C-alpha cells in the first residue's frame, strides 16, 4: 500500500528540489561529454543526423550540451503542469 501512496504523491504533488535538479542536470552533461569521447557514439550520432535530418530521430536522445544548459527548473515545473 505504501508504494501506491508514494506513486500517488509523485503524480499529484511532485516537487522539483533545486539540489536534485542540479544533480540530474550535471549527470546529463557528464553523459553527453562521455558520449562525445566515444568514436562509435559520435559516428552513430552523425549517421542518425544525416539519415533523419530534422526528424526527432536525427537528434541525440539526451540532447546536447547547449540545450541541456538552457533547461531551467522553471521549465521542468511548467512542463509538469
Protein backbone atom coordinates (compact mmCIF):
# COMPACT_ATOMS: atom_id res chain seq x y z
CA UNK A 1 0.00 0.00 0.00
CA UNK A 2 2.87 2.43 0.67
CA UNK A 3 4.07 2.06 -2.92
CA UNK A 4 0.67 3.11 -4.20
CA UNK A 5 0.66 6.05 -1.79
CA UNK A 6 4.12 7.07 -3.00
CA UNK A 7 3.11 6.80 -6.66
CA UNK A 8 0.01 8.88 -5.97
CA UNK A 9 2.14 11.53 -4.26
CA UNK A 10 4.60 11.63 -7.16
CA UNK A 11 1.83 12.00 -9.71
CA UNK A 12 -0.23 14.57 -7.83
CA UNK A 13 2.24 16.50 -5.70
CA UNK A 14 5.57 16.29 -7.46
CA UNK A 15 8.20 18.74 -6.38
CA UNK A 16 11.49 19.54 -8.02
CA UNK A 17 14.11 20.38 -5.38
CA UNK A 18 16.94 22.53 -6.71
CA UNK A 19 19.59 20.10 -5.43
CA UNK A 20 18.00 17.18 -7.29
CA UNK A 21 17.50 19.24 -10.45
CA UNK A 22 21.14 20.39 -10.40
CA UNK A 23 22.39 16.84 -9.75
CA UNK A 24 20.43 15.34 -12.66
CA UNK A 25 21.48 18.17 -14.98
CA UNK A 26 25.16 17.56 -14.09
CA UNK A 27 24.69 13.83 -14.71
CA UNK A 28 23.15 14.51 -18.12
CA UNK A 29 26.01 16.84 -19.07
CA UNK A 30 28.58 14.27 -17.94
CA UNK A 31 26.84 11.56 -20.01
CA UNK A 32 26.82 13.78 -23.08
CA UNK A 33 30.51 14.61 -22.66
CA UNK A 34 31.34 10.94 -22.14
CA UNK A 35 29.38 10.06 -25.29
CA UNK A 36 31.38 12.66 -27.24
CA UNK A 37 34.58 10.83 -26.26
CA UNK A 38 33.49 7.61 -27.97
CA UNK A 39 34.20 7.45 -31.71
CA UNK A 40 31.42 4.88 -32.15
CA UNK A 41 28.87 7.11 -30.43
CA UNK A 42 29.98 10.16 -32.41
CA UNK A 43 29.63 8.13 -35.61
CA UNK A 44 26.15 6.92 -34.57
CA UNK A 45 25.03 10.49 -33.83
CA UNK A 46 26.38 11.70 -37.18
CA UNK A 47 24.69 8.86 -39.07
CA UNK A 48 21.32 9.47 -37.38
CA UNK A 49 21.63 13.22 -38.01
CA UNK A 50 22.36 12.57 -41.69
CA UNK A 51 19.69 9.91 -42.25
CA UNK A 52 16.90 11.52 -40.24
CA UNK A 53 17.86 15.22 -40.58
CA UNK A 54 15.23 17.36 -38.81
CA UNK A 55 13.14 14.41 -37.63
CA UNK A 56 13.39 13.76 -33.85
CA UNK A 57 15.37 10.57 -34.62
CA UNK A 58 18.09 12.82 -36.03
CA UNK A 59 18.84 14.30 -32.59
CA UNK A 60 20.54 12.60 -29.63
CA UNK A 61 18.09 11.37 -27.00
CA UNK A 62 20.00 13.13 -24.20
CA UNK A 63 20.20 16.35 -26.20
CA UNK A 64 23.41 18.30 -26.47
CA UNK A 65 25.39 20.44 -24.06
CA UNK A 66 23.91 23.70 -25.33
CA UNK A 67 20.29 22.56 -24.98
CA UNK A 68 20.75 20.88 -21.60
CA UNK A 69 22.42 24.02 -20.26
CA UNK A 70 19.35 26.01 -21.33
CA UNK A 71 16.93 23.86 -19.29
CA UNK A 72 15.82 25.56 -16.09
CA UNK A 73 14.00 24.32 -13.06
CA UNK A 74 11.06 26.53 -14.09
CA UNK A 75 10.95 24.75 -17.49
CA UNK A 76 10.60 21.40 -15.73
CA UNK A 77 7.87 22.68 -13.41
CA UNK A 78 5.96 24.22 -16.32
CA UNK A 79 6.25 21.01 -18.35
CA UNK A 80 4.94 19.00 -15.39
CA UNK A 81 1.90 21.26 -15.11
